[in-house]
PDB file of N, CA and C in Angstrom:
ATOM      1  N   MET A   1      -2.895  10.855 -16.577  1.00  0.00           N
ATOM      2  CA  MET A   1      -1.552  10.743 -16.017  1.00  0.00           C
ATOM      3  C   MET A   1      -1.019  12.137 -15.753  1.00  0.00           C
ATOM      4  N   SER A   2      -0.469  12.330 -14.593  1.00  0.00           N
ATOM      5  CA  SER A   2       0.058  13.630 -14.195  1.00  0.00           C
ATOM      6  C   SER A   2       1.401  13.437 -13.495  1.00  0.00           C
ATOM      7  N   ASP A   3       2.422  14.127 -13.969  1.00  0.00           N
ATOM      8  CA  ASP A   3       3.740  14.033 -13.329  1.00  0.00           C
ATOM      9  C   ASP A   3       3.702  14.577 -11.909  1.00  0.00           C
ATOM     10  N   LYS A   4       2.932  15.644 -11.706  1.00  0.00           N
ATOM     11  CA  LYS A   4       2.814  16.222 -10.371  1.00  0.00           C
ATOM     12  C   LYS A   4       2.153  15.220  -9.423  1.00  0.00           C
ATOM     13  N   ARG A   5       1.093  14.572  -9.903  1.00  0.00           N
ATOM     14  CA  ARG A   5       0.396  13.566  -9.108  1.00  0.00           C
ATOM     15  C   ARG A   5       1.314  12.375  -8.826  1.00  0.00           C
ATOM     16  N   ALA A   6       2.116  11.982  -9.828  1.00  0.00           N
ATOM     17  CA  ALA A   6       3.033  10.849  -9.653  1.00  0.00           C
ATOM     18  C   ALA A   6       4.040  11.141  -8.542  1.00  0.00           C
ATOM     19  N   ALA A   7       4.580  12.363  -8.534  1.00  0.00           N
ATOM     20  CA  ALA A   7       5.545  12.731  -7.493  1.00  0.00           C
ATOM     21  C   ALA A   7       4.892  12.709  -6.117  1.00  0.00           C
ATOM     22  N   LYS A   8       3.650  13.211  -6.036  1.00  0.00           N
ATOM     23  CA  LYS A   8       2.931  13.212  -4.766  1.00  0.00           C
ATOM     24  C   LYS A   8       2.646  11.785  -4.309  1.00  0.00           C
ATOM     25  N   ASP A   9       2.175  10.928  -5.232  1.00  0.00           N
ATOM     26  CA  ASP A   9       1.883   9.537  -4.890  1.00  0.00           C
ATOM     27  C   ASP A   9       3.119   8.811  -4.377  1.00  0.00           C
ATOM     28  N   GLU A  10       4.255   9.031  -5.035  1.00  0.00           N
ATOM     29  CA  GLU A  10       5.505   8.391  -4.614  1.00  0.00           C
ATOM     30  C   GLU A  10       5.907   8.859  -3.224  1.00  0.00           C
ATOM     31  N   ALA A  11       5.805  10.166  -2.988  1.00  0.00           N
ATOM     32  CA  ALA A  11       6.177  10.708  -1.680  1.00  0.00           C
ATOM     33  C   ALA A  11       5.266  10.155  -0.575  1.00  0.00           C
ATOM     34  N   MET A  12       3.968  10.075  -0.845  1.00  0.00           N
ATOM     35  CA  MET A  12       3.039   9.569   0.163  1.00  0.00           C
ATOM     36  C   MET A  12       3.274   8.084   0.434  1.00  0.00           C
ATOM     37  N   ARG A  13       3.569   7.309  -0.608  1.00  0.00           N
ATOM     38  CA  ARG A  13       3.833   5.877  -0.433  1.00  0.00           C
ATOM     39  C   ARG A  13       5.086   5.676   0.414  1.00  0.00           C
ATOM     40  N   LYS A  14       6.120   6.464   0.149  1.00  0.00           N
ATOM     41  CA  LYS A  14       7.365   6.351   0.930  1.00  0.00           C
ATOM     42  C   LYS A  14       7.147   6.779   2.372  1.00  0.00           C
ATOM     43  N   LYS A  15       6.342   7.817   2.583  1.00  0.00           N
ATOM     44  CA  LYS A  15       6.043   8.269   3.939  1.00  0.00           C
ATOM     45  C   LYS A  15       5.279   7.180   4.702  1.00  0.00           C
ATOM     46  N   GLY A  16       4.326   6.536   4.020  1.00  0.00           N
ATOM     47  CA  GLY A  16       3.582   5.442   4.645  1.00  0.00           C
ATOM     48  C   GLY A  16       4.490   4.282   5.003  1.00  0.00           C
ATOM     49  N   LEU A  17       5.451   3.980   4.114  1.00  0.00           N
ATOM     50  CA  LEU A  17       6.401   2.896   4.387  1.00  0.00           C
ATOM     51  C   LEU A  17       7.262   3.235   5.597  1.00  0.00           C
ATOM     52  N   GLN A  18       7.684   4.479   5.729  1.00  0.00           N
ATOM     53  CA  GLN A  18       8.479   4.878   6.890  1.00  0.00           C
ATOM     54  C   GLN A  18       7.696   4.682   8.186  1.00  0.00           C
ATOM     55  N   ARG A  19       6.407   5.021   8.153  1.00  0.00           N
ATOM     56  CA  ARG A  19       5.573   4.818   9.348  1.00  0.00           C
ATOM     57  C   ARG A  19       5.446   3.332   9.687  1.00  0.00           C
ATOM     58  N   LEU A  20       5.249   2.504   8.645  1.00  0.00           N
ATOM     59  CA  LEU A  20       5.160   1.066   8.887  1.00  0.00           C
ATOM     60  C   LEU A  20       6.461   0.524   9.464  1.00  0.00           C
ATOM     61  N   GLU A  21       7.585   0.953   8.893  1.00  0.00           N
ATOM     62  CA  GLU A  21       8.885   0.484   9.386  1.00  0.00           C
ATOM     63  C   GLU A  21       9.098   0.893  10.829  1.00  0.00           C
ATOM     64  N   LYS A  22       8.676   2.102  11.192  1.00  0.00           N
ATOM     65  CA  LYS A  22       8.822   2.573  12.571  1.00  0.00           C
ATOM     66  C   LYS A  22       7.987   1.703  13.516  1.00  0.00           C
ATOM     67  N   ARG A  23       6.726   1.399  13.123  1.00  0.00           N
ATOM     68  CA  ARG A  23       5.874   0.532  13.950  1.00  0.00           C
ATOM     69  C   ARG A  23       6.425  -0.880  14.005  1.00  0.00           C
ATOM     70  N   PHE A  24       6.995  -1.355  12.891  1.00  0.00           N
ATOM     71  CA  PHE A  24       7.569  -2.694  12.834  1.00  0.00           C
ATOM     72  C   PHE A  24       8.750  -2.805  13.795  1.00  0.00           C
ATOM     73  N   GLN A  25       9.624  -1.811  13.770  1.00  0.00           N
ATOM     74  CA  GLN A  25      10.812  -1.839  14.628  1.00  0.00           C
ATOM     75  C   GLN A  25      10.455  -1.704  16.103  1.00  0.00           C
ATOM     76  N   SER A  26       9.367  -1.008  16.399  1.00  0.00           N
ATOM     77  CA  SER A  26       8.971  -0.844  17.796  1.00  0.00           C
ATOM     78  C   SER A  26       8.212  -2.066  18.317  1.00  0.00           C
ATOM     79  N   GLY A  27       7.863  -2.998  17.415  1.00  0.00           N
ATOM     80  CA  GLY A  27       7.158  -4.206  17.826  1.00  0.00           C
ATOM     81  C   GLY A  27       5.666  -4.011  17.981  1.00  0.00           C
ATOM     82  N   LYS A  28       5.116  -2.909  17.452  1.00  0.00           N
ATOM     83  CA  LYS A  28       3.693  -2.624  17.606  1.00  0.00           C
ATOM     84  C   LYS A  28       2.828  -3.204  16.483  1.00  0.00           C
ATOM     85  N   LEU A  29       3.420  -3.892  15.519  1.00  0.00           N
ATOM     86  CA  LEU A  29       2.639  -4.523  14.463  1.00  0.00           C
ATOM     87  C   LEU A  29       2.211  -5.910  14.910  1.00  0.00           C
ATOM     88  N   THR A  30       0.940  -6.198  14.720  1.00  0.00           N
ATOM     89  CA  THR A  30       0.412  -7.505  15.092  1.00  0.00           C
ATOM     90  C   THR A  30      -0.389  -8.077  13.937  1.00  0.00           C
ATOM     91  N   LYS A  31      -0.883  -9.267  14.109  1.00  0.00           N
ATOM     92  CA  LYS A  31      -1.720  -9.924  13.114  1.00  0.00           C
ATOM     93  C   LYS A  31      -2.949  -9.068  12.789  1.00  0.00           C
ATOM     94  N   ALA A  32      -3.453  -8.329  13.763  1.00  0.00           N
ATOM     95  CA  ALA A  32      -4.633  -7.487  13.574  1.00  0.00           C
ATOM     96  C   ALA A  32      -4.376  -6.344  12.597  1.00  0.00           C
ATOM     97  N   ASN A  33      -3.120  -5.966  12.394  1.00  0.00           N
ATOM     98  CA  ASN A  33      -2.780  -4.885  11.480  1.00  0.00           C
ATOM     99  C   ASN A  33      -2.773  -5.322  10.019  1.00  0.00           C
ATOM    100  N   VAL A  34      -2.809  -6.620   9.759  1.00  0.00           N
ATOM    101  CA  VAL A  34      -2.732  -7.108   8.378  1.00  0.00           C
ATOM    102  C   VAL A  34      -4.119  -7.015   7.753  1.00  0.00           C
ATOM    103  N   ASN A  35      -4.312  -5.982   6.939  1.00  0.00           N
ATOM    104  CA  ASN A  35      -5.555  -5.754   6.207  1.00  0.00           C
ATOM    105  C   ASN A  35      -5.217  -4.900   4.985  1.00  0.00           C
ATOM    106  N   ASN A  36      -6.178  -4.496   4.226  1.00  0.00           N
ATOM    107  CA  ASN A  36      -5.911  -3.704   3.032  1.00  0.00           C
ATOM    108  C   ASN A  36      -6.241  -2.232   3.223  1.00  0.00           C
ATOM    109  N   HIS A  37      -6.264  -1.763   4.446  1.00  0.00           N
ATOM    110  CA  HIS A  37      -6.552  -0.371   4.723  1.00  0.00           C
ATOM    111  C   HIS A  37      -5.261   0.442   4.733  1.00  0.00           C
ATOM    112  N   GLY A  38      -5.224   1.496   3.945  1.00  0.00           N
ATOM    113  CA  GLY A  38      -4.069   2.377   3.919  1.00  0.00           C
ATOM    114  C   GLY A  38      -2.795   1.647   3.532  1.00  0.00           C
ATOM    115  N   TYR A  39      -1.728   1.932   4.227  1.00  0.00           N
ATOM    116  CA  TYR A  39      -0.441   1.335   3.902  1.00  0.00           C
ATOM    117  C   TYR A  39      -0.240  -0.020   4.571  1.00  0.00           C
ATOM    118  N   ASN A  40      -1.214  -0.467   5.350  1.00  0.00           N
ATOM    119  CA  ASN A  40      -1.145  -1.803   5.932  1.00  0.00           C
ATOM    120  C   ASN A  40      -1.195  -2.878   4.856  1.00  0.00           C
ATOM    121  N   LYS A  41      -1.615  -2.501   3.641  1.00  0.00           N
ATOM    122  CA  LYS A  41      -1.670  -3.481   2.551  1.00  0.00           C
ATOM    123  C   LYS A  41      -0.293  -4.013   2.195  1.00  0.00           C
ATOM    124  N   TYR A  42       0.759  -3.361   2.645  1.00  0.00           N
ATOM    125  CA  TYR A  42       2.112  -3.819   2.374  1.00  0.00           C
ATOM    126  C   TYR A  42       2.606  -4.827   3.412  1.00  0.00           C
ATOM    127  N   LEU A  43       1.773  -5.163   4.384  1.00  0.00           N
ATOM    128  CA  LEU A  43       2.170  -6.121   5.415  1.00  0.00           C
ATOM    129  C   LEU A  43       1.817  -7.531   4.977  1.00  0.00           C
ATOM    130  N   LYS A  44       2.624  -8.485   5.410  1.00  0.00           N
ATOM    131  CA  LYS A  44       2.319  -9.891   5.166  1.00  0.00           C
ATOM    132  C   LYS A  44       2.712 -10.683   6.394  1.00  0.00           C
ATOM    133  N   MET A  45       2.053 -11.822   6.580  1.00  0.00           N
ATOM    134  CA  MET A  45       2.345 -12.674   7.726  1.00  0.00           C
ATOM    135  C   MET A  45       3.247 -13.811   7.281  1.00  0.00           C
ATOM    136  N   ASP A  46       4.268 -14.074   8.065  1.00  0.00           N
ATOM    137  CA  ASP A  46       5.165 -15.202   7.836  1.00  0.00           C
ATOM    138  C   ASP A  46       4.933 -16.196   8.960  1.00  0.00           C
ATOM    139  N   GLY A  47       4.418 -17.364   8.612  1.00  0.00           N
ATOM    140  CA  GLY A  47       4.126 -18.354   9.639  1.00  0.00           C
ATOM    141  C   GLY A  47       2.886 -17.966  10.409  1.00  0.00           C
ATOM    142  N   ASP A  48       2.870 -18.266  11.690  1.00  0.00           N
ATOM    143  CA  ASP A  48       1.684 -18.009  12.496  1.00  0.00           C
ATOM    144  C   ASP A  48       1.652 -16.618  13.109  1.00  0.00           C
ATOM    145  N   VAL A  49       2.797 -16.075  13.496  1.00  0.00           N
ATOM    146  CA  VAL A  49       2.770 -14.817  14.235  1.00  0.00           C
ATOM    147  C   VAL A  49       3.726 -13.751  13.707  1.00  0.00           C
ATOM    148  N   SER A  50       4.540 -14.067  12.745  1.00  0.00           N
ATOM    149  CA  SER A  50       5.527 -13.115  12.265  1.00  0.00           C
ATOM    150  C   SER A  50       4.931 -12.198  11.190  1.00  0.00           C
ATOM    151  N   VAL A  51       5.036 -10.902  11.395  1.00  0.00           N
ATOM    152  CA  VAL A  51       4.538  -9.916  10.441  1.00  0.00           C
ATOM    153  C   VAL A  51       5.735  -9.192   9.842  1.00  0.00           C
ATOM    154  N   SER A  52       5.718  -8.986   8.518  1.00  0.00           N
ATOM    155  CA  SER A  52       6.802  -8.257   7.860  1.00  0.00           C
ATOM    156  C   SER A  52       6.230  -7.350   6.785  1.00  0.00           C
ATOM    157  N   ILE A  53       7.062  -6.508   6.206  1.00  0.00           N
ATOM    158  CA  ILE A  53       6.652  -5.594   5.151  1.00  0.00           C
ATOM    159  C   ILE A  53       6.940  -6.238   3.801  1.00  0.00           C
ATOM    160  N   ASP A  54       5.937  -6.297   2.949  1.00  0.00           N
ATOM    161  CA  ASP A  54       6.049  -6.910   1.627  1.00  0.00           C
ATOM    162  C   ASP A  54       6.577  -5.863   0.636  1.00  0.00           C
ATOM    163  N   MET A  55       7.884  -5.827   0.440  1.00  0.00           N
ATOM    164  CA  MET A  55       8.506  -4.823  -0.428  1.00  0.00           C
ATOM    165  C   MET A  55       8.151  -5.045  -1.899  1.00  0.00           C
ATOM    166  N   ASP A  56       7.861  -6.279  -2.305  1.00  0.00           N
ATOM    167  CA  ASP A  56       7.451  -6.530  -3.693  1.00  0.00           C
ATOM    168  C   ASP A  56       6.134  -5.801  -3.988  1.00  0.00           C
ATOM    169  N   LYS A  57       5.200  -5.865  -3.066  1.00  0.00           N
ATOM    170  CA  LYS A  57       3.915  -5.187  -3.229  1.00  0.00           C
ATOM    171  C   LYS A  57       4.108  -3.669  -3.214  1.00  0.00           C
ATOM    172  N   PHE A  58       4.974  -3.201  -2.322  1.00  0.00           N
ATOM    173  CA  PHE A  58       5.271  -1.767  -2.238  1.00  0.00           C
ATOM    174  C   PHE A  58       5.845  -1.262  -3.556  1.00  0.00           C
ATOM    175  N   ASN A  59       6.812  -1.977  -4.115  1.00  0.00           N
ATOM    176  CA  ASN A  59       7.438  -1.561  -5.365  1.00  0.00           C
ATOM    177  C   ASN A  59       6.484  -1.676  -6.553  1.00  0.00           C
ATOM    178  N   ALA A  60       5.584  -2.646  -6.543  1.00  0.00           N
ATOM    179  CA  ALA A  60       4.620  -2.810  -7.629  1.00  0.00           C
ATOM    180  C   ALA A  60       3.642  -1.639  -7.689  1.00  0.00           C
ATOM    181  N   ASP A  61       3.355  -1.012  -6.563  1.00  0.00           N
ATOM    182  CA  ASP A  61       2.441   0.125  -6.545  1.00  0.00           C
ATOM    183  C   ASP A  61       3.006   1.354  -7.252  1.00  0.00           C
ATOM    184  N   ALA A  62       4.302   1.386  -7.484  1.00  0.00           N
ATOM    185  CA  ALA A  62       4.904   2.523  -8.190  1.00  0.00           C
ATOM    186  C   ALA A  62       4.353   2.653  -9.607  1.00  0.00           C
ATOM    187  N   ALA A  63       3.880   1.569 -10.188  1.00  0.00           N
ATOM    188  CA  ALA A  63       3.312   1.614 -11.537  1.00  0.00           C
ATOM    189  C   ALA A  63       2.051   2.472 -11.593  1.00  0.00           C
ATOM    190  N   TRP A  64       1.406   2.694 -10.464  1.00  0.00           N
ATOM    191  CA  TRP A  64       0.168   3.471 -10.419  1.00  0.00           C
ATOM    192  C   TRP A  64       0.390   4.926 -10.048  1.00  0.00           C
ATOM    193  N   ASP A  65       1.623   5.331  -9.808  1.00  0.00           N
ATOM    194  CA  ASP A  65       1.903   6.724  -9.462  1.00  0.00           C
ATOM    195  C   ASP A  65       1.460   7.642 -10.590  1.00  0.00           C
ATOM    196  N   GLY A  66       0.735   8.686 -10.239  1.00  0.00           N
ATOM    197  CA  GLY A  66       0.298   9.682 -11.205  1.00  0.00           C
ATOM    198  C   GLY A  66      -1.029   9.373 -11.860  1.00  0.00           C
ATOM    199  N   ILE A  67      -1.629   8.245 -11.549  1.00  0.00           N
ATOM    200  CA  ILE A  67      -2.899   7.869 -12.158  1.00  0.00           C
ATOM    201  C   ILE A  67      -3.992   7.972 -11.104  1.00  0.00           C
ATOM    202  N   LYS A  68      -5.052   8.672 -11.451  1.00  0.00           N
ATOM    203  CA  LYS A  68      -6.181   8.798 -10.542  1.00  0.00           C
ATOM    204  C   LYS A  68      -7.360   8.079 -11.164  1.00  0.00           C
ATOM    205  N   GLY A  69      -8.006   7.256 -10.408  1.00  0.00           N
ATOM    206  CA  GLY A  69      -9.147   6.512 -10.923  1.00  0.00           C
ATOM    207  C   GLY A  69     -10.207   6.374  -9.864  1.00  0.00           C
ATOM    208  N   TYR A  70     -11.348   5.902 -10.279  1.00  0.00           N
ATOM    209  CA  TYR A  70     -12.464   5.713  -9.376  1.00  0.00           C
ATOM    210  C   TYR A  70     -12.985   4.289  -9.524  1.00  0.00           C
ATOM    211  N   VAL A  71     -13.358   3.688  -8.413  1.00  0.00           N
ATOM    212  CA  VAL A  71     -13.959   2.373  -8.417  1.00  0.00           C
ATOM    213  C   VAL A  71     -15.456   2.584  -8.206  1.00  0.00           C
ATOM    214  N   THR A  72     -16.252   2.012  -9.099  1.00  0.00           N
ATOM    215  CA  THR A  72     -17.703   2.141  -8.981  1.00  0.00           C
ATOM    216  C   THR A  72     -18.342   0.760  -9.033  1.00  0.00           C
ATOM    217  N   ASN A  73     -19.609   0.725  -8.789  1.00  0.00           N
ATOM    218  CA  ASN A  73     -20.341  -0.531  -8.896  1.00  0.00           C
ATOM    219  C   ASN A  73     -21.145  -0.582 -10.201  1.00  0.00           C
ATOM    220  N   THR A  74     -20.811   0.281 -11.142  1.00  0.00           N
ATOM    221  CA  THR A  74     -21.508   0.344 -12.420  1.00  0.00           C
ATOM    222  C   THR A  74     -21.083  -0.817 -13.301  1.00  0.00           C
ATOM    223  N   LYS A  75     -22.059  -1.445 -13.919  1.00  0.00           N
ATOM    224  CA  LYS A  75     -21.750  -2.532 -14.852  1.00  0.00           C
ATOM    225  C   LYS A  75     -21.892  -1.981 -16.268  1.00  0.00           C
ATOM    226  N   VAL A  76     -20.784  -1.861 -16.950  1.00  0.00           N
ATOM    227  CA  VAL A  76     -20.776  -1.336 -18.296  1.00  0.00           C
ATOM    228  C   VAL A  76     -20.779  -2.513 -19.267  1.00  0.00           C
ATOM    229  N   ARG A  77     -21.698  -2.479 -20.190  1.00  0.00           N
ATOM    230  CA  ARG A  77     -21.805  -3.555 -21.184  1.00  0.00           C
ATOM    231  C   ARG A  77     -21.187  -3.078 -22.498  1.00  0.00           C
ATOM    232  N   PRO A  78     -20.373  -3.938 -23.117  1.00  0.00           N
ATOM    233  CA  PRO A  78     -19.818  -3.550 -24.402  1.00  0.00           C
ATOM    234  C   PRO A  78     -20.921  -3.462 -25.456  1.00  0.00           C
ATOM    235  N   VAL A  79     -20.756  -2.560 -26.388  1.00  0.00           N
ATOM    236  CA  VAL A  79     -21.764  -2.360 -27.447  1.00  0.00           C
ATOM    237  C   VAL A  79     -21.464  -3.239 -28.627  1.00  0.00           C
TER     238      VAL A  79
END
């Protein structure tokens, strides 16, 4: 856990949200944008064609600010 990393993570998440909001307001967000890449993970579809920003998911990510981890395919067995 690092306070410096937490501040950076928060700033980057907010910057990503601003970009999403700008694309949302311009009408450039489509169903094709809903995936888990980058900050698009905060998008959700309402009904068949309506795309919106999932603020609950955005706020939940704040719990991970300042934590750096790695995802591997290693299977660790308990001893």
